[in-house]
Amino acid sequence: MANIEEKADEKQTSWKDFIYNPRTGEFIGRTASSWALIFLFYLVFYGFLAGMFTLTMWVMLQTLDDHTPKYRDRVANPGLVIRPKSMEIAFNRSIPQQYNMYVQHLESFLQKYNDSMQEANELCPRDEYFEQDNVEEKKVCQFKRSLLRQCSGLADSTFGYSEGKPCILVKMNRVIGLRPRGDPHINCAAKRENPLQMQYFPIEGRLDKSYFPYYGKKLHQNYVQPVVAVKLLLAEEDYDSELAIECKVEGSDLINNNDRDKFLGRVTFRVKVSK
């Protein structure tokens, strides 16, 4: 029994000495100077790594432009989007509750196009690019809501939804520096044998060149891209059936037939209006 107690005491003493040995002044097997050298080594080592990382980031940031992305190969051509923001628009024209959300979305989107706000922007010459490369403060061309006429929501606050002839707004995504050639315009068609009658605002669905190029969020803070309103003139036989409609940007060098990206230069959505 005495031997067992002595061995237990030795182990306890040995463990205490490992934590702190008062005879040698060691803490966990190292003296204070040894611990200081280790701490200094890691301080210098990690300080060097942090310095290298900071220097690398600084050098990389010097190659970037505050206003233009360095690599834009994937967005050289814009996609098309619609408002209301829904790929499937379905409602009963006799039930306002079913189309109110679409109307509210259109009204909210067009607020920045109000004529009163657009008066502060430039009245630009048509059919030519609004070049401002050497101008520090970029100006914005007017695009008044009233240009959308029957689809402006001014004369008809329901944008045609109450009469079963809804308006759809089509716009291109913003791409910095884009200058589309030719005469870009939006053209829509129903995917069926019989054509569907439509009206375009502005006339012929044109995307005037004066709204290009776009210089980015920081330089072109108040920029509004051009919008084309498409009014679907549904006939009696078109009600209560789902219509697939495809809109494309045509008349220019912009791509609209890429099988890999179905939103590149085009957009497809479905509409079903009930009586």
C-alpha atoms as a PDB file:
ATOM      1  CA  MET A   1       0.000   0.000   0.000  1.00  0.00           C
ATOM      2  CA  ALA A   2       2.865   2.361   0.857  1.00  0.00           C
ATOM      3  CA  ASN A   3       4.478   1.756  -2.547  1.00  0.00           C
ATOM      4  CA  ILE A   4       1.227   2.503  -4.355  1.00  0.00           C
ATOM      5  CA  GLU A   5       0.803   5.784  -2.463  1.00  0.00           C
ATOM      6  CA  GLU A   6       4.409   6.768  -3.217  1.00  0.00           C
ATOM      7  CA  LYS A   7       3.930   6.114  -6.951  1.00  0.00           C
ATOM      8  CA  ALA A   8       0.727   8.209  -6.972  1.00  0.00           C
ATOM      9  CA  ASP A   9       2.566  11.076  -5.237  1.00  0.00           C
ATOM     10  CA  GLU A  10       5.411  10.830  -7.767  1.00  0.00           C
ATOM     11  CA  LYS A  11       2.968  11.019 -10.691  1.00  0.00           C
ATOM     12  CA  GLN A  12       1.207  14.044  -9.185  1.00  0.00           C
ATOM     13  CA  THR A  13       4.545  15.760  -8.546  1.00  0.00           C
ATOM     14  CA  SER A  14       5.711  14.950 -12.076  1.00  0.00           C
ATOM     15  CA  TRP A  15       2.496  16.419 -13.562  1.00  0.00           C
ATOM     16  CA  LYS A  16       2.797  19.583 -11.486  1.00  0.00           C
ATOM     17  CA  ASP A  17       6.436  19.953 -12.513  1.00  0.00           C
ATOM     18  CA  PHE A  18       5.404  19.684 -16.175  1.00  0.00           C
ATOM     19  CA  ILE A  19       2.932  22.530 -15.755  1.00  0.00           C
ATOM     20  CA  TYR A  20       5.386  24.665 -13.833  1.00  0.00           C
ATOM     21  CA  ASN A  21       8.778  23.604 -12.500  1.00  0.00           C
ATOM     22  CA  PRO A  22       9.870  26.023  -9.769  1.00  0.00           C
ATOM     23  CA  ARG A  23      13.445  24.642  -9.839  1.00  0.00           C
ATOM     24  CA  THR A  24      14.092  25.412 -13.516  1.00  0.00           C
ATOM     25  CA  GLY A  25      11.403  28.058 -14.051  1.00  0.00           C
ATOM     26  CA  GLU A  26       9.934  26.067 -16.980  1.00  0.00           C
ATOM     27  CA  PHE A  27       6.277  26.377 -17.960  1.00  0.00           C
ATOM     28  CA  ILE A  28       4.928  23.392 -19.918  1.00  0.00           C
ATOM     29  CA  GLY A  29       8.469  22.253 -20.620  1.00  0.00           C
ATOM     30  CA  ARG A  30       9.842  25.630 -21.816  1.00  0.00           C
ATOM     31  CA  THR A  31      11.528  28.546 -20.160  1.00  0.00           C
ATOM     32  CA  ALA A  32      10.206  32.095 -20.469  1.00  0.00           C
ATOM     33  CA  SER A  33      12.924  33.012 -23.009  1.00  0.00           C
ATOM     34  CA  SER A  34      12.022  29.945 -25.119  1.00  0.00           C
ATOM     35  CA  TRP A  35       8.364  30.912 -25.110  1.00  0.00           C
ATOM     36  CA  ALA A  36       9.281  34.489 -26.007  1.00  0.00           C
ATOM     37  CA  LEU A  37      11.333  33.316 -29.013  1.00  0.00           C
ATOM     38  CA  ILE A  38       8.461  31.100 -30.242  1.00  0.00           C
ATOM     39  CA  PHE A  39       5.961  33.954 -29.844  1.00  0.00           C
ATOM     40  CA  LEU A  40       8.310  36.311 -31.722  1.00  0.00           C
ATOM     41  CA  PHE A  41       8.788  33.790 -34.526  1.00  0.00           C
ATOM     42  CA  TYR A  42       5.049  33.342 -35.121  1.00  0.00           C
ATOM     43  CA  LEU A  43       4.453  37.087 -34.799  1.00  0.00           C
ATOM     44  CA  VAL A  44       6.998  37.763 -37.541  1.00  0.00           C
ATOM     45  CA  PHE A  45       5.801  34.808 -39.657  1.00  0.00           C
ATOM     46  CA  TYR A  46       2.111  35.711 -39.629  1.00  0.00           C
ATOM     47  CA  GLY A  47       2.914  39.405 -39.929  1.00  0.00           C
ATOM     48  CA  PHE A  48       4.866  38.605 -43.101  1.00  0.00           C
ATOM     49  CA  LEU A  49       1.932  36.562 -44.505  1.00  0.00           C
ATOM     50  CA  ALA A  50      -0.501  39.384 -43.717  1.00  0.00           C
ATOM     51  CA  GLY A  51       1.825  41.872 -45.395  1.00  0.00           C
ATOM     52  CA  MET A  52       2.134  39.704 -48.504  1.00  0.00           C
ATOM     53  CA  PHE A  53      -1.657  39.292 -48.705  1.00  0.00           C
ATOM     54  CA  THR A  54      -2.206  43.048 -48.289  1.00  0.00           C
ATOM     55  CA  LEU A  55       0.393  43.849 -50.941  1.00  0.00           C
ATOM     56  CA  THR A  56      -1.106  41.333 -53.383  1.00  0.00           C
ATOM     57  CA  MET A  57      -4.608  42.743 -52.895  1.00  0.00           C
ATOM     58  CA  TRP A  58      -3.315  46.297 -53.351  1.00  0.00           C
ATOM     59  CA  VAL A  59      -1.539  45.422 -56.602  1.00  0.00           C
ATOM     60  CA  MET A  60      -4.662  43.655 -57.907  1.00  0.00           C
ATOM     61  CA  LEU A  61      -6.910  46.602 -57.022  1.00  0.00           C
ATOM     62  CA  GLN A  62      -4.641  48.931 -59.009  1.00  0.00           C
ATOM     63  CA  THR A  63      -5.589  47.039 -62.162  1.00  0.00           C
ATOM     64  CA  LEU A  64      -9.344  47.561 -61.627  1.00  0.00           C
ATOM     65  CA  ASP A  65     -11.475  50.449 -62.828  1.00  0.00           C
ATOM     66  CA  ASP A  66     -13.931  51.991 -60.393  1.00  0.00           C
ATOM     67  CA  HIS A  67     -16.546  52.354 -63.110  1.00  0.00           C
ATOM     68  CA  THR A  68     -16.063  49.517 -65.607  1.00  0.00           C
ATOM     69  CA  PRO A  69     -15.699  45.770 -64.858  1.00  0.00           C
ATOM     70  CA  LYS A  70     -12.372  44.343 -66.046  1.00  0.00           C
ATOM     71  CA  TYR A  71     -13.875  41.141 -67.471  1.00  0.00           C
ATOM     72  CA  ARG A  72     -17.241  41.322 -69.262  1.00  0.00           C
ATOM     73  CA  ASP A  73     -17.053  38.437 -71.736  1.00  0.00           C
ATOM     74  CA  ARG A  74     -20.205  36.756 -70.362  1.00  0.00           C
ATOM     75  CA  VAL A  75     -22.404  39.858 -70.631  1.00  0.00           C
ATOM     76  CA  ALA A  76     -21.336  41.291 -73.972  1.00  0.00           C
ATOM     77  CA  ASN A  77     -24.935  40.950 -75.145  1.00  0.00           C
ATOM     78  CA  PRO A  78     -27.887  41.961 -72.961  1.00  0.00           C
ATOM     79  CA  GLY A  79     -30.751  39.766 -71.914  1.00  0.00           C
ATOM     80  CA  LEU A  80     -34.407  40.755 -72.045  1.00  0.00           C
ATOM     81  CA  VAL A  81     -36.727  40.963 -69.047  1.00  0.00           C
ATOM     82  CA  ILE A  82     -40.380  41.851 -68.675  1.00  0.00           C
ATOM     83  CA  ARG A  83     -42.564  43.739 -66.254  1.00  0.00           C
ATOM     84  CA  PRO A  84     -44.706  42.661 -64.460  1.00  0.00           C
ATOM     85  CA  LYS A  85     -41.937  40.448 -63.150  1.00  0.00           C
ATOM     86  CA  SER A  86     -43.603  37.124 -63.825  1.00  0.00           C
ATOM     87  CA  MET A  87     -43.087  34.513 -66.505  1.00  0.00           C
ATOM     88  CA  GLU A  88     -46.684  33.359 -66.132  1.00  0.00           C
ATOM     89  CA  ILE A  89     -49.365  36.049 -66.120  1.00  0.00           C
ATOM     90  CA  ALA A  90     -52.846  34.713 -65.434  1.00  0.00           C
ATOM     91  CA  PHE A  91     -55.956  36.592 -64.340  1.00  0.00           C
ATOM     92  CA  ASN A  92     -59.683  37.071 -64.841  1.00  0.00           C
ATOM     93  CA  ARG A  93     -60.393  40.476 -66.345  1.00  0.00           C
ATOM     94  CA  SER A  94     -63.653  40.703 -64.364  1.00  0.00           C
ATOM     95  CA  ILE A  95     -61.927  40.228 -61.003  1.00  0.00           C
ATOM     96  CA  PRO A  96     -59.668  43.196 -60.117  1.00  0.00           C
ATOM     97  CA  GLN A  97     -58.123  41.321 -57.194  1.00  0.00           C
ATOM     98  CA  GLN A  98     -56.525  38.900 -59.649  1.00  0.00           C
ATOM     99  CA  TYR A  99     -54.727  41.537 -61.719  1.00  0.00           C
ATOM    100  CA  ASN A 100     -54.124  44.269 -59.130  1.00  0.00           C
ATOM    101  CA  MET A 101     -50.662  42.911 -58.292  1.00  0.00           C
ATOM    102  CA  TYR A 102     -49.615  43.225 -61.943  1.00  0.00           C
ATOM    103  CA  VAL A 103     -50.975  46.768 -62.154  1.00  0.00           C
ATOM    104  CA  GLN A 104     -49.225  47.793 -58.935  1.00  0.00           C
ATOM    105  CA  HIS A 105     -45.945  46.333 -60.164  1.00  0.00           C
ATOM    106  CA  LEU A 106     -46.157  48.293 -63.426  1.00  0.00           C
ATOM    107  CA  GLU A 107     -47.095  51.508 -61.615  1.00  0.00           C
ATOM    108  CA  SER A 108     -44.183  51.138 -59.212  1.00  0.00           C
ATOM    109  CA  PHE A 109     -41.725  50.402 -62.025  1.00  0.00           C
ATOM    110  CA  LEU A 110     -42.804  53.453 -64.063  1.00  0.00           C
ATOM    111  CA  GLN A 111     -42.473  55.944 -61.214  1.00  0.00           C
ATOM    112  CA  LYS A 112     -38.950  56.915 -62.264  1.00  0.00           C
ATOM    113  CA  TYR A 113     -40.259  57.478 -65.811  1.00  0.00           C
ATOM    114  CA  ASN A 114     -42.816  60.078 -64.726  1.00  0.00           C
ATOM    115  CA  ASP A 115     -42.778  63.086 -67.037  1.00  0.00           C
ATOM    116  CA  SER A 116     -42.180  65.460 -64.124  1.00  0.00           C
ATOM    117  CA  MET A 117     -38.991  63.615 -63.175  1.00  0.00           C
ATOM    118  CA  GLN A 118     -37.784  63.185 -66.742  1.00  0.00           C
ATOM    119  CA  GLU A 119     -37.999  66.924 -67.417  1.00  0.00           C
ATOM    120  CA  ALA A 120     -34.744  67.273 -65.478  1.00  0.00           C
ATOM    121  CA  ASN A 121     -32.944  65.034 -68.002  1.00  0.00           C
ATOM    122  CA  GLU A 122     -31.587  65.898 -71.442  1.00  0.00           C
ATOM    123  CA  LEU A 123     -33.689  66.025 -74.595  1.00  0.00           C
ATOM    124  CA  CYS A 124     -31.263  64.085 -76.787  1.00  0.00           C
ATOM    125  CA  PRO A 125     -31.064  63.960 -80.600  1.00  0.00           C
ATOM    126  CA  ARG A 126     -32.616  60.787 -81.979  1.00  0.00           C
ATOM    127  CA  ASP A 127     -30.872  57.985 -83.901  1.00  0.00           C
ATOM    128  CA  GLU A 128     -27.376  58.729 -82.617  1.00  0.00           C
ATOM    129  CA  TYR A 129     -25.345  57.585 -79.617  1.00  0.00           C
ATOM    130  CA  PHE A 130     -25.103  59.959 -76.671  1.00  0.00           C
ATOM    131  CA  GLU A 131     -21.312  59.833 -76.286  1.00  0.00           C
ATOM    132  CA  GLN A 132     -19.947  61.229 -73.011  1.00  0.00           C
ATOM    133  CA  ASP A 133     -16.552  59.549 -72.700  1.00  0.00           C
ATOM    134  CA  ASN A 134     -14.757  62.817 -71.900  1.00  0.00           C
ATOM    135  CA  VAL A 135     -17.462  64.200 -69.616  1.00  0.00           C
ATOM    136  CA  GLU A 136     -16.994  63.676 -65.883  1.00  0.00           C
ATOM    137  CA  GLU A 137     -20.671  64.039 -64.934  1.00  0.00           C
ATOM    138  CA  LYS A 138     -22.734  61.883 -67.278  1.00  0.00           C
ATOM    139  CA  LYS A 139     -26.124  63.196 -68.348  1.00  0.00           C
ATOM    140  CA  VAL A 140     -29.259  61.145 -68.917  1.00  0.00           C
ATOM    141  CA  CYS A 141     -31.593  61.236 -71.907  1.00  0.00           C
ATOM    142  CA  GLN A 142     -35.296  61.743 -71.302  1.00  0.00           C
ATOM    143  CA  PHE A 143     -37.604  58.778 -71.514  1.00  0.00           C
ATOM    144  CA  LYS A 144     -41.021  60.037 -70.546  1.00  0.00           C
ATOM    145  CA  ARG A 145     -43.694  57.704 -69.378  1.00  0.00           C
ATOM    146  CA  SER A 146     -46.159  59.347 -71.750  1.00  0.00           C
ATOM    147  CA  LEU A 147     -44.232  57.816 -74.675  1.00  0.00           C
ATOM    148  CA  LEU A 148     -45.872  54.517 -73.766  1.00  0.00           C
ATOM    149  CA  ARG A 149     -49.271  56.054 -74.552  1.00  0.00           C
ATOM    150  CA  GLN A 150     -51.991  53.423 -73.996  1.00  0.00           C
ATOM    151  CA  CYS A 151     -49.596  51.443 -71.825  1.00  0.00           C
ATOM    152  CA  SER A 152     -48.386  54.398 -69.751  1.00  0.00           C
ATOM    153  CA  GLY A 153     -51.014  53.939 -67.055  1.00  0.00           C
ATOM    154  CA  LEU A 154     -51.940  57.614 -67.358  1.00  0.00           C
ATOM    155  CA  ALA A 155     -55.174  57.333 -69.358  1.00  0.00           C
ATOM    156  CA  ASP A 156     -55.915  53.788 -68.189  1.00  0.00           C
ATOM    157  CA  SER A 157     -54.703  53.137 -64.653  1.00  0.00           C
ATOM    158  CA  THR A 158     -55.143  49.368 -65.115  1.00  0.00           C
ATOM    159  CA  PHE A 159     -52.757  49.178 -68.113  1.00  0.00           C
ATOM    160  CA  GLY A 160     -55.421  47.383 -70.169  1.00  0.00           C
ATOM    161  CA  TYR A 161     -55.868  44.531 -67.683  1.00  0.00           C
ATOM    162  CA  SER A 162     -59.474  45.450 -66.887  1.00  0.00           C
ATOM    163  CA  GLU A 163     -60.455  45.141 -70.561  1.00  0.00           C
ATOM    164  CA  GLY A 164     -58.517  41.918 -71.095  1.00  0.00           C
ATOM    165  CA  LYS A 165     -55.856  43.542 -73.303  1.00  0.00           C
ATOM    166  CA  PRO A 166     -52.876  43.655 -70.961  1.00  0.00           C
ATOM    167  CA  CYS A 167     -49.690  45.667 -71.431  1.00  0.00           C
ATOM    168  CA  ILE A 168     -46.303  44.019 -70.961  1.00  0.00           C
ATOM    169  CA  LEU A 169     -43.147  46.110 -70.595  1.00  0.00           C
ATOM    170  CA  VAL A 170     -39.981  44.743 -72.203  1.00  0.00           C
ATOM    171  CA  LYS A 171     -36.524  46.092 -71.469  1.00  0.00           C
ATOM    172  CA  MET A 172     -32.910  45.128 -72.019  1.00  0.00           C
ATOM    173  CA  ASN A 173     -30.507  44.547 -69.164  1.00  0.00           C
ATOM    174  CA  ARG A 174     -27.901  47.242 -68.732  1.00  0.00           C
ATOM    175  CA  VAL A 175     -24.481  46.554 -70.239  1.00  0.00           C
ATOM    176  CA  ILE A 176     -21.727  49.128 -69.752  1.00  0.00           C
ATOM    177  CA  GLY A 177     -20.447  50.567 -73.009  1.00  0.00           C
ATOM    178  CA  LEU A 178     -23.003  48.799 -75.212  1.00  0.00           C
ATOM    179  CA  ARG A 179     -23.563  50.446 -78.600  1.00  0.00           C
ATOM    180  CA  PRO A 180     -25.998  48.317 -80.601  1.00  0.00           C
ATOM    181  CA  ARG A 181     -25.638  48.714 -84.344  1.00  0.00           C
ATOM    182  CA  GLY A 182     -28.429  49.010 -86.849  1.00  0.00           C
ATOM    183  CA  ASP A 183     -31.958  49.829 -85.720  1.00  0.00           C
ATOM    184  CA  PRO A 184     -32.642  47.814 -82.554  1.00  0.00           C
ATOM    185  CA  HIS A 185     -36.296  47.168 -81.793  1.00  0.00           C
ATOM    186  CA  ILE A 186     -38.449  44.695 -79.887  1.00  0.00           C
ATOM    187  CA  ASN A 187     -40.571  42.225 -81.821  1.00  0.00           C
ATOM    188  CA  CYS A 188     -42.965  39.797 -80.137  1.00  0.00           C
ATOM    189  CA  ALA A 189     -44.946  36.858 -81.498  1.00  0.00           C
ATOM    190  CA  ALA A 190     -47.208  34.167 -80.114  1.00  0.00           C
ATOM    191  CA  LYS A 191     -45.937  30.625 -80.528  1.00  0.00           C
ATOM    192  CA  ARG A 192     -48.822  29.360 -82.638  1.00  0.00           C
ATOM    193  CA  GLU A 193     -49.924  29.280 -86.260  1.00  0.00           C
ATOM    194  CA  ASN A 194     -52.287  32.245 -86.145  1.00  0.00           C
ATOM    195  CA  PRO A 195     -50.550  35.578 -85.398  1.00  0.00           C
ATOM    196  CA  LEU A 196     -51.592  37.544 -82.349  1.00  0.00           C
ATOM    197  CA  GLN A 197     -52.332  41.239 -82.857  1.00  0.00           C
ATOM    198  CA  MET A 198     -50.153  43.580 -80.786  1.00  0.00           C
ATOM    199  CA  GLN A 199     -49.389  47.270 -80.437  1.00  0.00           C
ATOM    200  CA  TYR A 200     -45.941  48.638 -79.614  1.00  0.00           C
ATOM    201  CA  PHE A 201     -45.062  51.826 -77.749  1.00  0.00           C
ATOM    202  CA  PRO A 202     -42.918  53.716 -78.659  1.00  0.00           C
ATOM    203  CA  ILE A 203     -43.862  53.144 -82.270  1.00  0.00           C
ATOM    204  CA  GLU A 204     -42.473  49.958 -83.856  1.00  0.00           C
ATOM    205  CA  GLY A 205     -40.946  48.989 -80.504  1.00  0.00           C
ATOM    206  CA  ARG A 206     -37.790  50.991 -81.188  1.00  0.00           C
ATOM    207  CA  LEU A 207     -34.893  51.229 -78.746  1.00  0.00           C
ATOM    208  CA  ASP A 208     -33.392  54.537 -79.764  1.00  0.00           C
ATOM    209  CA  LYS A 209     -29.606  54.813 -79.915  1.00  0.00           C
ATOM    210  CA  SER A 210     -29.637  57.996 -77.849  1.00  0.00           C
ATOM    211  CA  TYR A 211     -29.968  55.867 -74.691  1.00  0.00           C
ATOM    212  CA  PHE A 212     -26.614  54.225 -75.377  1.00  0.00           C
ATOM    213  CA  PRO A 213     -23.933  53.833 -74.167  1.00  0.00           C
ATOM    214  CA  TYR A 214     -24.481  53.262 -70.474  1.00  0.00           C
ATOM    215  CA  TYR A 215     -21.540  54.248 -68.235  1.00  0.00           C
ATOM    216  CA  GLY A 216     -22.274  52.323 -65.050  1.00  0.00           C
ATOM    217  CA  LYS A 217     -23.969  52.957 -61.714  1.00  0.00           C
ATOM    218  CA  LYS A 218     -21.412  55.393 -60.316  1.00  0.00           C
ATOM    219  CA  LEU A 219     -21.096  57.624 -63.390  1.00  0.00           C
ATOM    220  CA  HIS A 220     -24.673  57.273 -64.677  1.00  0.00           C
ATOM    221  CA  GLN A 221     -26.563  57.433 -61.401  1.00  0.00           C
ATOM    222  CA  ASN A 222     -29.944  58.600 -62.732  1.00  0.00           C
ATOM    223  CA  TYR A 223     -29.876  56.536 -65.921  1.00  0.00           C
ATOM    224  CA  VAL A 224     -33.107  54.898 -67.062  1.00  0.00           C
ATOM    225  CA  GLN A 225     -32.970  52.379 -69.867  1.00  0.00           C
ATOM    226  CA  PRO A 226     -35.483  52.545 -72.708  1.00  0.00           C
ATOM    227  CA  VAL A 227     -38.629  50.464 -72.370  1.00  0.00           C
ATOM    228  CA  VAL A 228     -40.961  49.022 -74.988  1.00  0.00           C
ATOM    229  CA  ALA A 229     -44.596  48.453 -74.069  1.00  0.00           C
ATOM    230  CA  VAL A 230     -46.405  45.629 -75.847  1.00  0.00           C
ATOM    231  CA  LYS A 231     -50.201  45.683 -75.722  1.00  0.00           C
ATOM    232  CA  LEU A 232     -51.740  42.286 -76.397  1.00  0.00           C
ATOM    233  CA  LEU A 233     -54.905  42.755 -78.461  1.00  0.00           C
ATOM    234  CA  LEU A 234     -56.594  39.515 -77.496  1.00  0.00           C
ATOM    235  CA  ALA A 235     -59.612  38.427 -79.543  1.00  0.00           C
ATOM    236  CA  GLU A 236     -62.577  36.430 -78.204  1.00  0.00           C
ATOM    237  CA  GLU A 237     -61.024  33.126 -79.204  1.00  0.00           C
ATOM    238  CA  ASP A 238     -57.827  34.003 -77.274  1.00  0.00           C
ATOM    239  CA  TYR A 239     -59.504  34.107 -73.876  1.00  0.00           C
ATOM    240  CA  ASP A 240     -59.411  31.156 -71.485  1.00  0.00           C
ATOM    241  CA  SER A 241     -56.410  29.669 -73.270  1.00  0.00           C
ATOM    242  CA  GLU A 242     -52.741  29.902 -72.410  1.00  0.00           C
ATOM    243  CA  LEU A 243     -50.580  31.801 -74.902  1.00  0.00           C
ATOM    244  CA  ALA A 244     -46.805  31.442 -75.110  1.00  0.00           C
ATOM    245  CA  ILE A 245     -45.260  34.706 -76.315  1.00  0.00           C
ATOM    246  CA  GLU A 246     -41.646  35.300 -77.274  1.00  0.00           C
ATOM    247  CA  CYS A 247     -40.091  38.762 -77.566  1.00  0.00           C
ATOM    248  CA  LYS A 248     -36.742  39.376 -79.257  1.00  0.00           C
ATOM    249  CA  VAL A 249     -34.488  42.323 -79.902  1.00  0.00           C
ATOM    250  CA  GLU A 250     -34.072  42.535 -83.663  1.00  0.00           C
ATOM    251  CA  GLY A 251     -32.644  44.833 -86.325  1.00  0.00           C
ATOM    252  CA  SER A 252     -29.167  44.981 -84.767  1.00  0.00           C
ATOM    253  CA  ASP A 253     -26.020  42.967 -84.111  1.00  0.00           C
ATOM    254  CA  LEU A 254     -27.309  41.787 -80.735  1.00  0.00           C
ATOM    255  CA  ILE A 255     -27.590  38.008 -80.330  1.00  0.00           C
ATOM    256  CA  ASN A 256     -31.108  36.610 -79.912  1.00  0.00           C
ATOM    257  CA  ASN A 257     -30.808  32.953 -80.962  1.00  0.00           C
ATOM    258  CA  ASN A 258     -28.359  31.391 -78.518  1.00  0.00           C
ATOM    259  CA  ASP A 259     -29.617  27.907 -77.599  1.00  0.00           C
ATOM    260  CA  ARG A 260     -27.528  27.864 -74.409  1.00  0.00           C
ATOM    261  CA  ASP A 261     -29.045  31.049 -73.004  1.00  0.00           C
ATOM    262  CA  LYS A 262     -32.750  31.504 -73.712  1.00  0.00           C
ATOM    263  CA  PHE A 263     -32.768  34.970 -72.129  1.00  0.00           C
ATOM    264  CA  LEU A 264     -29.946  36.378 -74.276  1.00  0.00           C
ATOM    265  CA  GLY A 265     -31.614  38.958 -76.496  1.00  0.00           C
ATOM    266  CA  ARG A 266     -35.022  37.358 -75.984  1.00  0.00           C
ATOM    267  CA  VAL A 267     -37.577  36.381 -73.371  1.00  0.00           C
ATOM    268  CA  THR A 268     -40.525  33.977 -73.377  1.00  0.00           C
ATOM    269  CA  PHE A 269     -43.535  34.265 -71.079  1.00  0.00           C
ATOM    270  CA  ARG A 270     -47.058  32.891 -70.827  1.00  0.00           C
ATOM    271  CA  VAL A 271     -50.351  34.772 -70.626  1.00  0.00           C
ATOM    272  CA  LYS A 272     -53.795  33.432 -69.810  1.00  0.00           C
ATOM    273  CA  VAL A 273     -56.722  35.843 -69.576  1.00  0.00           C
ATOM    274  CA  SER A 274     -60.137  34.628 -68.509  1.00  0.00           C
ATOM    275  CA  LYS A 275     -63.453  36.363 -69.094  1.00  0.00           C
END
